[in-house]
Amino acid sequence: MVEDDISVSQMMELFFKKEGWDQDPAYDGEEAIAKFKANPDAYDIITLDLNLPKKDGIQVAREIREISETVPIIMLTARDSESDQVLGLGIGADDYVTKPFSPLALIARIKALHRRVMLEETPKKEAATDFDLETKHIKISKSRREVYFDDTRIEGLTPKEFELLYTMAQKPKQVFSREQLLELIWGYEYFGEERTVDAHIKKLRQKLEKYGPQIIQTVWGVGYKFDDSQVKI
């Protein structure tokens, strides 16, 4: 938990202990980066305050993403900082919680995010060719959290990016509004903050473009759709 307010960190540690979770606190941005660099595999999830001394939450999130593209990050932000929330999501945060927050609400959000990113144990006998979804160029395995563009595995998708791609690829050419994607992917109301979807779509597109032509299309005034039927490699 990266939080410069010691009282908040100590309070949350008590709640986390009741859940059986270990908390490793950091009280400024530089300390957070140093701890994560030292042992990135030690952390299942990161809660990250936006306003931190030495390095702010945006800088910390950016540096964490340079080390790990997949560790889940929940931003803690002020209620009046919508632009910062969207920026944080755009650089790789998976979710955000506004301050002041209820400890139980934060715990519920952590649990929901963790459920989405936990990999199911895949039996060794499971063939790597078993996929839950296959389109003309995309293959997706939910149990292995793997996505392939033709025969090349797409690396570094965050949990939200994976869910966005999987959700839209299930219904190729169907147009999804931002409101629909918020409800389907985030699972709770975002109070009309549709730019959350735009920020994640932008990052997803950037990652997909490394492997082939763009398959996430904008339908102006409506939303987005998945369509790889016209892609030629």
Protein backbone atom coordinates (compact mmCIF):
# COMPACT_ATOMS: atom_id res chain seq x y z
CA MET A 1 0.00 0.00 0.00
CA VAL A 2 1.56 3.25 -1.19
CA GLU A 3 0.07 5.95 1.03
CA ASP A 4 1.74 8.96 2.67
CA ASP A 5 -0.93 9.23 5.36
CA ILE A 6 0.43 6.87 8.01
CA SER A 7 -2.88 6.72 9.88
CA VAL A 8 -4.70 5.53 6.74
CA SER A 9 -2.04 2.92 6.06
CA GLN A 10 -2.13 1.64 9.63
CA MET A 11 -5.93 1.51 9.63
CA MET A 12 -6.01 -0.48 6.40
CA GLU A 13 -3.36 -2.86 7.69
CA LEU A 14 -5.76 -3.87 10.49
CA PHE A 15 -8.51 -4.58 7.96
CA PHE A 16 -6.12 -6.46 5.70
CA LYS A 17 -4.96 -8.65 8.59
CA LYS A 18 -8.57 -9.70 9.18
CA GLU A 19 -8.60 -10.92 5.58
CA GLY A 20 -5.34 -12.78 6.11
CA TRP A 21 -3.43 -10.41 3.84
CA ASP A 22 0.09 -9.07 4.40
CA GLN A 23 0.58 -5.36 3.77
CA ASP A 24 3.91 -3.83 2.80
CA PRO A 25 3.58 -0.05 3.27
CA ALA A 26 5.45 2.65 1.39
CA TYR A 27 5.04 6.30 2.38
CA ASP A 28 6.42 8.08 -0.69
CA GLY A 29 6.88 7.41 -4.39
CA GLU A 30 10.59 6.70 -4.29
CA GLU A 31 10.22 4.15 -1.49
CA ALA A 32 7.43 2.42 -3.44
CA ILE A 33 9.56 2.09 -6.58
CA ALA A 34 12.57 0.87 -4.61
CA LYS A 35 10.52 -1.84 -2.89
CA PHE A 36 8.87 -3.00 -6.09
CA LYS A 37 12.13 -3.10 -8.04
CA ALA A 38 13.73 -5.17 -5.27
CA ASN A 39 11.13 -7.94 -5.51
CA PRO A 40 8.33 -7.40 -8.06
CA ASP A 41 7.06 -10.98 -7.78
CA ALA A 42 6.30 -10.49 -4.07
CA TYR A 43 3.20 -8.36 -4.70
CA ASP A 44 -0.25 -9.61 -5.71
CA ILE A 45 -1.81 -6.14 -5.92
CA ILE A 46 -0.83 -2.51 -5.37
CA THR A 47 -2.97 0.28 -3.95
CA LEU A 48 -1.44 3.58 -4.99
CA ASP A 49 -2.29 7.03 -3.69
CA LEU A 50 -2.19 9.71 -6.36
CA ASN A 51 -0.76 12.50 -4.22
CA LEU A 52 2.59 11.35 -2.86
CA PRO A 53 5.83 13.10 -1.84
CA LYS A 54 9.01 12.71 -3.94
CA LYS A 55 7.18 11.00 -6.82
CA ASP A 56 3.44 11.24 -7.40
CA GLY A 57 1.19 8.28 -8.14
CA ILE A 58 1.23 8.85 -11.89
CA GLN A 59 5.03 8.64 -11.97
CA VAL A 60 5.02 5.59 -9.72
CA ALA A 61 2.41 3.80 -11.87
CA ARG A 62 4.41 4.55 -15.00
CA GLU A 63 7.63 3.14 -13.50
CA ILE A 64 5.84 0.08 -12.12
CA ARG A 65 4.45 -0.62 -15.59
CA GLU A 66 7.97 -0.47 -17.00
CA ILE A 67 8.87 -3.31 -14.63
CA SER A 68 5.61 -5.28 -14.78
CA GLU A 69 2.81 -4.86 -17.29
CA THR A 70 0.41 -7.10 -15.40
CA VAL A 71 0.58 -6.48 -11.62
CA PRO A 72 -2.85 -5.06 -10.68
CA ILE A 73 -2.88 -1.42 -9.54
CA ILE A 74 -5.72 0.39 -7.76
CA MET A 75 -5.35 4.19 -7.71
CA LEU A 76 -6.59 6.15 -4.69
CA THR A 77 -7.70 9.59 -5.86
CA ALA A 78 -9.56 12.68 -4.70
CA ARG A 79 -13.16 13.05 -5.84
CA ASP A 80 -12.45 16.18 -7.89
CA SER A 81 -9.54 14.81 -9.89
CA GLU A 82 -11.33 13.12 -12.79
CA SER A 83 -8.59 14.04 -15.26
CA ASP A 84 -5.98 12.41 -13.02
CA GLN A 85 -8.16 9.31 -12.70
CA VAL A 86 -8.40 8.96 -16.46
CA LEU A 87 -4.67 9.62 -16.85
CA GLY A 88 -3.89 6.98 -14.22
CA LEU A 89 -6.08 4.43 -15.97
CA GLY A 90 -4.52 5.37 -19.28
CA ILE A 91 -0.99 4.57 -18.12
CA GLY A 92 -1.91 1.19 -16.71
CA ALA A 93 -3.88 1.40 -13.46
CA ASP A 94 -6.64 -1.21 -13.43
CA ASP A 95 -9.11 0.56 -11.16
CA TYR A 96 -9.46 3.52 -8.86
CA VAL A 97 -11.15 4.33 -5.57
CA THR A 98 -12.05 7.88 -4.59
CA LYS A 99 -11.17 9.38 -1.23
CA PRO A 100 -12.52 9.39 1.37
CA PHE A 101 -13.26 5.69 1.02
CA SER A 102 -14.76 2.97 3.17
CA PRO A 103 -12.19 0.32 4.17
CA LEU A 104 -14.73 -2.40 3.42
CA ALA A 105 -15.42 -0.89 -0.01
CA LEU A 106 -11.70 -0.88 -0.81
CA ILE A 107 -11.39 -4.49 0.31
CA ALA A 108 -14.36 -5.46 -1.87
CA ARG A 109 -12.74 -3.72 -4.83
CA ILE A 110 -9.43 -5.50 -4.19
CA LYS A 111 -11.18 -8.85 -4.02
CA ALA A 112 -13.07 -8.20 -7.26
CA LEU A 113 -9.90 -7.20 -9.09
CA HIS A 114 -7.94 -10.11 -7.68
CA ARG A 115 -10.61 -12.58 -8.79
CA ARG A 116 -10.31 -11.27 -12.33
CA VAL A 117 -6.55 -11.67 -12.49
CA MET A 118 -6.09 -14.96 -10.67
CA LEU A 119 -4.96 -17.56 -13.14
CA GLU A 120 -6.79 -20.82 -12.90
CA GLU A 121 -4.46 -23.75 -12.46
CA THR A 122 -4.16 -25.38 -15.85
CA PRO A 123 -3.64 -29.15 -15.83
CA LYS A 124 -0.44 -30.19 -17.55
CA LYS A 125 -2.41 -32.36 -19.93
CA GLU A 126 -4.31 -29.34 -21.23
CA ALA A 127 -3.25 -28.71 -24.79
CA ALA A 128 -1.92 -25.28 -25.63
CA THR A 129 -4.23 -25.37 -28.65
CA ASP A 130 -7.38 -25.30 -26.48
CA PHE A 131 -8.95 -21.86 -26.68
CA ASP A 132 -12.20 -20.44 -25.38
CA LEU A 133 -12.59 -18.13 -28.36
CA GLU A 134 -11.23 -18.10 -31.92
CA THR A 135 -11.84 -15.53 -34.64
CA LYS A 136 -10.12 -15.12 -37.99
CA HIS A 137 -6.88 -13.87 -36.41
CA ILE A 138 -7.41 -13.91 -32.62
CA LYS A 139 -7.33 -16.86 -30.22
CA ILE A 140 -8.05 -16.42 -26.49
CA SER A 141 -7.70 -18.77 -23.53
CA LYS A 142 -9.36 -17.42 -20.39
CA SER A 143 -7.91 -20.11 -18.11
CA ARG A 144 -4.35 -19.36 -19.25
CA ARG A 145 -5.02 -15.64 -19.75
CA GLU A 146 -3.38 -15.90 -23.17
CA VAL A 147 -4.16 -14.04 -26.39
CA TYR A 148 -2.65 -14.89 -29.79
CA PHE A 149 -2.66 -12.81 -32.94
CA ASP A 150 -2.40 -15.60 -35.49
CA ASP A 151 0.45 -17.67 -33.99
CA THR A 152 2.10 -14.86 -32.01
CA ARG A 153 1.26 -14.44 -28.34
CA ILE A 154 0.29 -10.90 -27.35
CA GLU A 155 2.29 -9.94 -24.29
CA GLY A 156 1.63 -7.46 -21.49
CA LEU A 157 -2.15 -7.10 -21.48
CA THR A 158 -3.51 -5.79 -18.19
CA PRO A 159 -6.58 -7.52 -16.69
CA LYS A 160 -8.93 -4.82 -17.97
CA GLU A 161 -7.39 -4.86 -21.45
CA PHE A 162 -7.76 -8.66 -21.59
CA GLU A 163 -11.42 -8.45 -20.54
CA LEU A 164 -12.15 -5.69 -23.05
CA LEU A 165 -10.70 -7.70 -25.91
CA TYR A 166 -12.39 -10.93 -24.83
CA THR A 167 -15.77 -9.25 -24.38
CA MET A 168 -15.77 -7.57 -27.79
CA ALA A 169 -14.22 -10.53 -29.62
CA GLN A 170 -17.08 -12.75 -28.45
CA LYS A 171 -19.37 -10.71 -30.70
CA PRO A 172 -17.40 -9.56 -33.72
CA LYS A 173 -18.78 -6.49 -35.53
CA GLN A 174 -21.23 -5.76 -32.70
CA VAL A 175 -20.93 -2.15 -31.56
CA PHE A 176 -20.53 -1.73 -27.80
CA SER A 177 -21.31 1.62 -26.25
CA ARG A 178 -19.04 2.97 -23.56
CA GLU A 179 -21.84 2.50 -21.02
CA GLN A 180 -22.16 -1.17 -21.97
CA LEU A 181 -18.42 -1.75 -21.63
CA LEU A 182 -18.33 -0.02 -18.24
CA GLU A 183 -21.09 -2.30 -16.99
CA LEU A 184 -19.66 -5.49 -18.52
CA ILE A 185 -15.98 -5.00 -17.64
CA TRP A 186 -15.99 -2.95 -14.46
CA GLY A 187 -19.18 -4.42 -13.05
CA TYR A 188 -20.29 -1.31 -11.20
CA GLU A 189 -21.33 2.24 -11.95
CA TYR A 190 -18.62 4.69 -12.94
CA PHE A 191 -21.04 7.63 -12.75
CA GLY A 192 -20.87 8.39 -16.44
CA GLU A 193 -17.07 8.59 -16.63
CA GLU A 194 -16.92 7.12 -20.11
CA ARG A 195 -13.37 8.33 -20.68
CA THR A 196 -12.29 5.42 -18.50
CA VAL A 197 -13.17 3.14 -21.43
CA ASP A 198 -11.42 5.41 -23.93
CA ALA A 199 -8.20 5.33 -21.90
CA HIS A 200 -8.15 1.53 -21.76
CA ILE A 201 -9.07 1.15 -25.44
CA LYS A 202 -6.20 3.45 -26.37
CA LYS A 203 -3.68 1.31 -24.44
CA LEU A 204 -5.15 -1.92 -25.82
CA ARG A 205 -4.84 -0.63 -29.37
CA GLN A 206 -1.24 0.39 -28.84
CA LYS A 207 -0.39 -3.13 -27.71
CA LEU A 208 -2.32 -4.82 -30.52
CA GLU A 209 -0.63 -2.67 -33.16
CA LYS A 210 2.70 -4.30 -32.31
CA TYR A 211 1.37 -7.57 -33.74
CA GLY A 212 -0.72 -6.60 -36.74
CA PRO A 213 -3.37 -4.30 -38.23
CA GLN A 214 -5.85 -2.60 -35.89
CA ILE A 215 -8.85 -4.76 -35.02
CA ILE A 216 -10.58 -2.47 -32.50
CA GLN A 217 -12.57 0.09 -34.46
CA THR A 218 -14.25 3.30 -33.36
CA VAL A 219 -17.87 3.80 -34.37
CA TRP A 220 -18.18 7.55 -34.04
CA GLY A 221 -20.92 8.72 -31.74
CA VAL A 222 -21.67 5.19 -30.57
CA GLY A 223 -18.70 3.25 -29.21
CA TYR A 224 -16.31 0.48 -30.29
CA LYS A 225 -16.38 -2.84 -32.08
CA PHE A 226 -14.04 -5.78 -32.72
CA ASP A 227 -13.64 -6.78 -36.36
CA ASP A 228 -10.71 -8.76 -37.80
CA SER A 229 -12.63 -10.12 -40.81
CA GLN A 230 -10.98 -7.74 -43.27
CA VAL A 231 -7.48 -7.98 -41.80
CA LYS A 232 -4.92 -9.22 -44.28
CA ILE A 233 -1.51 -10.39 -43.05
